[in-house]
């Protein structure tokens, strides 16, 4: 089971950041009305508000370079908690920004997952 959780976690991370970097509008398909995003300390709830936030960030072109992905089963049956660390490379910027992001995935009746909780922080220092 632990290996399956790691595989699902890694596959989700690859999918999420591919969409973020190439088709950010499609990220809304990963959230539900109950989903909550905490972005740099600001709490946003629901698909529409989360999508608006992610699509109004002050940059268009970016690339995520993932350093680590740690996944665990959550207390919610079939749920998975994922912690990601990496670098965010913005077009035209010489230096990348370090970040950490946590996802709590909940299984759907269709056999996939949605993001219930998403916490994002830039790491300064």
N, C-alpha and C. Protein backbone atom coordinates (compact mmCIF):
# COMPACT_ATOMS: atom_id res chain seq x y z
N UNK A 1 0.83 -1.21 0.00
CA UNK A 1 0.00 0.00 0.00
C UNK A 1 0.86 1.26 0.00
N UNK A 2 1.95 1.25 0.78
CA UNK A 2 2.83 2.41 0.85
C UNK A 2 3.40 2.76 -0.52
N UNK A 3 3.79 1.72 -1.27
CA UNK A 3 4.34 1.94 -2.61
C UNK A 3 3.28 2.54 -3.53
N UNK A 4 2.03 2.09 -3.41
CA UNK A 4 0.93 2.62 -4.21
C UNK A 4 0.69 4.10 -3.90
N UNK A 5 0.75 4.45 -2.61
CA UNK A 5 0.57 5.85 -2.19
C UNK A 5 1.68 6.71 -2.80
N UNK A 6 2.91 6.22 -2.78
CA UNK A 6 4.03 6.96 -3.38
C UNK A 6 3.83 7.14 -4.88
N UNK A 7 3.39 6.08 -5.57
CA UNK A 7 3.17 6.15 -7.01
C UNK A 7 2.07 7.15 -7.37
N UNK A 8 0.96 7.08 -6.64
CA UNK A 8 -0.14 8.02 -6.89
C UNK A 8 0.30 9.44 -6.58
N UNK A 9 1.00 9.63 -5.47
CA UNK A 9 1.49 10.95 -5.11
C UNK A 9 2.39 11.54 -6.18
N UNK A 10 3.33 10.76 -6.66
CA UNK A 10 4.26 11.25 -7.69
C UNK A 10 3.53 11.54 -9.00
N UNK A 11 2.61 10.65 -9.38
CA UNK A 11 1.84 10.87 -10.61
C UNK A 11 1.01 12.14 -10.52
N UNK A 12 0.40 12.37 -9.35
CA UNK A 12 -0.40 13.59 -9.17
C UNK A 12 0.50 14.82 -9.29
N UNK A 13 1.64 14.80 -8.62
CA UNK A 13 2.56 15.95 -8.65
C UNK A 13 3.00 16.24 -10.08
N UNK A 14 3.37 15.21 -10.82
CA UNK A 14 3.78 15.41 -12.22
C UNK A 14 2.64 16.04 -13.03
N UNK A 15 1.41 15.54 -12.84
CA UNK A 15 0.25 16.05 -13.56
C UNK A 15 -0.07 17.50 -13.17
N UNK A 16 -0.09 17.76 -11.87
CA UNK A 16 -0.44 19.10 -11.38
C UNK A 16 0.52 20.15 -11.93
N UNK A 17 1.82 19.93 -11.80
CA UNK A 17 2.78 20.96 -12.24
C UNK A 17 2.88 21.04 -13.75
N UNK A 18 2.60 19.95 -14.46
CA UNK A 18 2.53 20.03 -15.92
C UNK A 18 1.38 20.96 -16.32
N UNK A 19 0.21 20.78 -15.68
CA UNK A 19 -0.91 21.68 -15.98
C UNK A 19 -0.58 23.11 -15.58
N UNK A 20 -0.01 23.30 -14.40
CA UNK A 20 0.30 24.65 -13.93
C UNK A 20 1.21 25.36 -14.92
N UNK A 21 2.22 24.67 -15.41
CA UNK A 21 3.21 25.29 -16.29
C UNK A 21 2.74 25.43 -17.73
N UNK A 22 1.77 24.59 -18.17
CA UNK A 22 1.40 24.56 -19.58
C UNK A 22 -0.06 24.90 -19.88
N UNK A 23 -0.96 24.70 -18.92
CA UNK A 23 -2.40 24.91 -19.17
C UNK A 23 -3.09 25.23 -17.84
N UNK A 24 -2.70 26.35 -17.24
CA UNK A 24 -3.15 26.68 -15.88
C UNK A 24 -4.67 26.70 -15.74
N UNK A 25 -5.37 27.06 -16.78
CA UNK A 25 -6.84 27.08 -16.72
C UNK A 25 -7.41 25.70 -16.40
N UNK A 26 -6.71 24.64 -16.81
CA UNK A 26 -7.20 23.27 -16.60
C UNK A 26 -7.04 22.81 -15.16
N UNK A 27 -6.31 23.54 -14.33
CA UNK A 27 -6.15 23.15 -12.93
C UNK A 27 -7.48 23.08 -12.19
N UNK A 28 -8.47 23.84 -12.62
CA UNK A 28 -9.76 23.86 -11.92
C UNK A 28 -10.40 22.47 -11.88
N UNK A 29 -10.04 21.60 -12.82
CA UNK A 29 -10.61 20.25 -12.85
C UNK A 29 -10.14 19.39 -11.68
N UNK A 30 -9.11 19.84 -10.96
CA UNK A 30 -8.55 19.08 -9.85
C UNK A 30 -9.18 19.44 -8.50
N UNK A 31 -10.04 20.46 -8.49
CA UNK A 31 -10.64 20.95 -7.25
C UNK A 31 -12.16 20.72 -7.26
N UNK A 32 -12.77 20.80 -6.08
CA UNK A 32 -14.21 20.66 -5.88
C UNK A 32 -14.71 21.89 -5.11
N UNK A 33 -16.03 22.07 -5.00
CA UNK A 33 -16.55 23.22 -4.25
C UNK A 33 -16.06 23.29 -2.79
N UNK A 34 -15.76 22.14 -2.19
CA UNK A 34 -15.28 22.14 -0.80
C UNK A 34 -13.78 22.37 -0.67
N UNK A 35 -13.06 22.41 -1.78
CA UNK A 35 -11.60 22.55 -1.75
C UNK A 35 -11.17 23.87 -1.14
N UNK A 36 -10.03 23.83 -0.44
CA UNK A 36 -9.47 25.03 0.20
C UNK A 36 -8.01 25.16 -0.21
N UNK A 37 -7.65 26.36 -0.64
CA UNK A 37 -6.26 26.71 -0.96
C UNK A 37 -5.80 27.78 0.02
N UNK A 38 -4.67 27.56 0.66
CA UNK A 38 -4.01 28.62 1.43
C UNK A 38 -2.77 28.98 0.64
N UNK A 39 -2.76 30.18 0.08
CA UNK A 39 -1.67 30.64 -0.79
C UNK A 39 -0.98 31.80 -0.10
N UNK A 40 0.24 31.53 0.38
CA UNK A 40 1.00 32.57 1.09
C UNK A 40 0.18 33.18 2.23
N UNK A 41 -0.55 32.35 2.95
CA UNK A 41 -1.32 32.80 4.12
C UNK A 41 -2.73 33.26 3.83
N UNK A 42 -3.11 33.37 2.56
CA UNK A 42 -4.46 33.80 2.19
C UNK A 42 -5.32 32.57 1.88
N UNK A 43 -6.46 32.45 2.56
CA UNK A 43 -7.33 31.28 2.41
C UNK A 43 -8.38 31.55 1.33
N UNK A 44 -8.48 30.60 0.39
CA UNK A 44 -9.42 30.71 -0.72
C UNK A 44 -10.18 29.39 -0.78
N UNK A 45 -11.51 29.46 -0.96
CA UNK A 45 -12.30 28.22 -1.00
C UNK A 45 -13.14 28.16 -2.25
N UNK A 46 -13.26 26.95 -2.79
CA UNK A 46 -14.13 26.70 -3.95
C UNK A 46 -13.39 26.76 -5.27
N UNK A 47 -13.90 26.02 -6.23
CA UNK A 47 -13.26 25.89 -7.54
C UNK A 47 -13.05 27.24 -8.21
N UNK A 48 -14.10 28.05 -8.28
CA UNK A 48 -14.01 29.31 -9.01
C UNK A 48 -12.99 30.26 -8.41
N UNK A 49 -13.02 30.43 -7.08
CA UNK A 49 -12.10 31.36 -6.43
C UNK A 49 -10.66 30.85 -6.50
N UNK A 50 -10.47 29.55 -6.37
CA UNK A 50 -9.12 28.99 -6.48
C UNK A 50 -8.60 29.17 -7.91
N UNK A 51 -9.43 28.87 -8.89
CA UNK A 51 -9.04 29.04 -10.28
C UNK A 51 -8.70 30.49 -10.59
N UNK A 52 -9.50 31.41 -10.09
CA UNK A 52 -9.24 32.84 -10.30
C UNK A 52 -7.89 33.22 -9.71
N UNK A 53 -7.62 32.78 -8.49
CA UNK A 53 -6.34 33.10 -7.84
C UNK A 53 -5.16 32.57 -8.65
N UNK A 54 -5.21 31.31 -9.03
CA UNK A 54 -4.09 30.70 -9.75
C UNK A 54 -3.88 31.31 -11.13
N UNK A 55 -4.96 31.76 -11.75
CA UNK A 55 -4.84 32.32 -13.10
C UNK A 55 -4.59 33.83 -13.10
N UNK A 56 -4.63 34.46 -11.93
CA UNK A 56 -4.31 35.89 -11.85
C UNK A 56 -2.97 36.15 -11.18
N UNK A 57 -2.14 35.12 -11.06
CA UNK A 57 -0.80 35.33 -10.50
C UNK A 57 -0.03 36.26 -11.45
N UNK A 58 0.91 37.04 -10.91
CA UNK A 58 1.56 38.08 -11.71
C UNK A 58 2.63 37.56 -12.68
N UNK A 59 2.48 36.35 -13.17
CA UNK A 59 3.39 35.81 -14.17
C UNK A 59 2.62 34.81 -15.02
N UNK A 60 3.03 34.70 -16.29
CA UNK A 60 2.38 33.75 -17.18
C UNK A 60 3.24 32.51 -17.38
N UNK A 61 4.47 32.72 -17.80
CA UNK A 61 5.35 31.60 -18.10
C UNK A 61 6.18 31.23 -16.89
N UNK A 62 6.16 29.95 -16.55
CA UNK A 62 6.96 29.47 -15.43
C UNK A 62 7.27 28.00 -15.63
N UNK A 63 8.20 27.50 -14.83
CA UNK A 63 8.55 26.09 -14.85
C UNK A 63 8.84 25.66 -13.42
N UNK A 64 8.20 24.59 -12.98
CA UNK A 64 8.45 24.04 -11.65
C UNK A 64 9.51 22.96 -11.76
N UNK A 65 10.52 23.03 -10.93
CA UNK A 65 11.53 21.97 -10.81
C UNK A 65 11.33 21.33 -9.44
N UNK A 66 10.92 20.08 -9.44
CA UNK A 66 10.58 19.39 -8.19
C UNK A 66 11.84 18.75 -7.59
N UNK A 67 12.06 19.02 -6.30
CA UNK A 67 13.20 18.43 -5.58
C UNK A 67 12.78 17.19 -4.81
N UNK A 68 11.68 17.29 -4.05
CA UNK A 68 11.23 16.15 -3.25
C UNK A 68 9.71 16.02 -3.31
N UNK A 69 9.25 14.77 -3.19
CA UNK A 69 7.83 14.45 -3.09
C UNK A 69 7.71 13.39 -2.00
N UNK A 70 6.99 13.72 -0.94
CA UNK A 70 6.73 12.76 0.13
C UNK A 70 5.22 12.56 0.24
N UNK A 71 4.79 11.31 0.27
CA UNK A 71 3.37 10.99 0.31
C UNK A 71 3.07 10.04 1.47
N UNK A 72 1.88 10.22 2.05
CA UNK A 72 1.41 9.35 3.14
C UNK A 72 -0.08 9.12 2.96
N UNK A 73 -0.57 7.95 3.42
CA UNK A 73 -2.02 7.78 3.46
C UNK A 73 -2.59 8.70 4.54
N UNK A 74 -3.76 9.26 4.28
CA UNK A 74 -4.39 10.14 5.28
C UNK A 74 -5.42 9.34 6.08
N UNK A 75 -5.95 9.96 7.13
CA UNK A 75 -6.97 9.31 7.96
C UNK A 75 -8.26 9.12 7.19
N UNK A 76 -8.49 9.94 6.15
CA UNK A 76 -9.67 9.78 5.31
C UNK A 76 -9.44 8.55 4.43
N UNK A 77 -10.34 7.60 4.42
CA UNK A 77 -10.15 6.35 3.69
C UNK A 77 -9.79 6.60 2.23
N UNK A 78 -8.63 6.14 1.85
CA UNK A 78 -8.17 6.30 0.47
C UNK A 78 -7.50 7.63 0.19
N UNK A 79 -7.51 8.54 1.16
CA UNK A 79 -6.91 9.85 0.97
C UNK A 79 -5.39 9.79 1.02
N UNK A 80 -4.76 10.79 0.42
CA UNK A 80 -3.30 10.86 0.37
C UNK A 80 -2.87 12.29 0.68
N UNK A 81 -1.86 12.42 1.56
CA UNK A 81 -1.25 13.71 1.85
C UNK A 81 0.10 13.74 1.15
N UNK A 82 0.37 14.84 0.43
CA UNK A 82 1.60 14.96 -0.35
C UNK A 82 2.29 16.27 0.03
N UNK A 83 3.59 16.19 0.28
CA UNK A 83 4.41 17.38 0.53
C UNK A 83 5.45 17.48 -0.58
N UNK A 84 5.49 18.64 -1.23
CA UNK A 84 6.38 18.87 -2.36
C UNK A 84 7.32 20.03 -2.01
N UNK A 85 8.58 19.90 -2.40
CA UNK A 85 9.50 21.04 -2.34
C UNK A 85 10.17 21.15 -3.69
N UNK A 86 10.51 22.38 -4.04
CA UNK A 86 11.14 22.57 -5.34
C UNK A 86 11.44 24.03 -5.60
N UNK A 87 11.67 24.32 -6.88
CA UNK A 87 11.99 25.67 -7.32
C UNK A 87 11.01 26.09 -8.41
N UNK A 88 10.66 27.36 -8.37
CA UNK A 88 9.78 27.96 -9.37
C UNK A 88 10.64 28.89 -10.21
N UNK A 89 10.77 28.56 -11.49
CA UNK A 89 11.58 29.36 -12.41
C UNK A 89 10.64 30.22 -13.26
N UNK A 90 10.79 31.53 -13.14
CA UNK A 90 9.93 32.46 -13.88
C UNK A 90 10.66 32.96 -15.11
N UNK A 91 9.94 33.11 -16.21
CA UNK A 91 10.52 33.60 -17.46
C UNK A 91 11.14 34.98 -17.23
N UNK A 92 12.36 35.15 -17.69
CA UNK A 92 13.04 36.44 -17.59
C UNK A 92 13.72 36.70 -16.25
N UNK A 93 13.60 35.78 -15.31
CA UNK A 93 14.23 35.95 -13.99
C UNK A 93 15.48 35.08 -13.91
N UNK A 94 16.54 35.65 -13.36
CA UNK A 94 17.81 34.93 -13.25
C UNK A 94 17.78 33.87 -12.15
N UNK A 95 17.13 34.19 -11.04
CA UNK A 95 17.11 33.28 -9.90
C UNK A 95 15.73 32.65 -9.73
N UNK A 96 15.72 31.39 -9.36
CA UNK A 96 14.45 30.71 -9.11
C UNK A 96 14.02 30.95 -7.66
N UNK A 97 12.75 30.68 -7.40
CA UNK A 97 12.17 30.85 -6.07
C UNK A 97 11.92 29.46 -5.48
N UNK A 98 12.39 29.23 -4.26
CA UNK A 98 12.14 27.96 -3.58
C UNK A 98 10.71 27.96 -3.03
N UNK A 99 10.05 26.80 -3.09
CA UNK A 99 8.69 26.71 -2.59
C UNK A 99 8.44 25.37 -1.92
N UNK A 100 7.40 25.33 -1.10
CA UNK A 100 6.85 24.11 -0.52
C UNK A 100 5.35 24.13 -0.77
N UNK A 101 4.81 22.95 -1.04
CA UNK A 101 3.37 22.86 -1.28
C UNK A 101 2.87 21.52 -0.74
N UNK A 102 1.70 21.56 -0.08
CA UNK A 102 1.09 20.38 0.49
C UNK A 102 -0.28 20.19 -0.16
N UNK A 103 -0.57 18.94 -0.52
CA UNK A 103 -1.86 18.59 -1.08
C UNK A 103 -2.49 17.49 -0.24
N UNK A 104 -3.80 17.56 -0.03
CA UNK A 104 -4.55 16.46 0.57
C UNK A 104 -5.53 16.01 -0.50
N UNK A 105 -5.29 14.81 -1.03
CA UNK A 105 -6.13 14.26 -2.09
C UNK A 105 -7.20 13.36 -1.49
N UNK A 106 -8.41 13.48 -2.01
CA UNK A 106 -9.54 12.66 -1.57
C UNK A 106 -10.03 11.87 -2.79
N UNK A 107 -10.29 10.56 -2.62
CA UNK A 107 -10.77 9.78 -3.76
C UNK A 107 -12.21 10.15 -4.14
N UNK A 108 -12.50 10.03 -5.43
CA UNK A 108 -13.85 10.28 -5.94
C UNK A 108 -14.52 8.94 -6.25
N UNK A 109 -15.83 8.95 -6.41
CA UNK A 109 -16.53 7.71 -6.75
C UNK A 109 -16.15 7.24 -8.15
N UNK A 110 -15.65 8.14 -8.98
CA UNK A 110 -15.24 7.76 -10.34
C UNK A 110 -13.87 7.08 -10.36
N UNK A 111 -13.20 7.02 -9.20
CA UNK A 111 -11.91 6.34 -9.15
C UNK A 111 -10.70 7.23 -9.29
N UNK A 112 -10.91 8.54 -9.32
CA UNK A 112 -9.77 9.46 -9.39
C UNK A 112 -9.66 10.17 -8.03
N UNK A 113 -8.98 11.29 -8.00
CA UNK A 113 -8.82 12.08 -6.78
C UNK A 113 -9.11 13.54 -7.06
N UNK A 114 -9.48 14.27 -6.01
CA UNK A 114 -9.55 15.73 -6.10
C UNK A 114 -8.75 16.31 -4.95
N UNK A 115 -8.36 17.58 -5.10
CA UNK A 115 -7.59 18.28 -4.08
C UNK A 115 -8.56 18.89 -3.08
N UNK A 116 -8.57 18.36 -1.86
CA UNK A 116 -9.39 18.94 -0.80
C UNK A 116 -8.66 20.11 -0.15
N UNK A 117 -7.37 19.92 0.13
CA UNK A 117 -6.57 20.96 0.78
C UNK A 117 -5.29 21.17 -0.02
N UNK A 118 -4.90 22.44 -0.17
CA UNK A 118 -3.71 22.82 -0.92
C UNK A 118 -3.10 23.99 -0.17
N UNK A 119 -1.85 23.84 0.27
CA UNK A 119 -1.15 24.92 1.00
C UNK A 119 0.14 25.21 0.26
N UNK A 120 0.34 26.48 -0.13
CA UNK A 120 1.52 26.88 -0.88
C UNK A 120 2.27 27.98 -0.14
N UNK A 121 3.59 27.84 -0.07
CA UNK A 121 4.45 28.86 0.53
C UNK A 121 5.76 28.97 -0.23
N UNK A 122 6.17 30.21 -0.50
CA UNK A 122 7.54 30.44 -0.96
C UNK A 122 8.45 30.33 0.26
N UNK A 123 9.65 29.81 0.05
CA UNK A 123 10.62 29.65 1.13
C UNK A 123 11.71 30.71 0.97
N UNK A 124 11.70 31.67 1.85
CA UNK A 124 12.69 32.74 1.81
C UNK A 124 13.80 32.42 2.79
N UNK A 125 15.01 32.88 2.47
CA UNK A 125 16.06 32.70 3.46
C UNK A 125 17.39 32.36 2.91
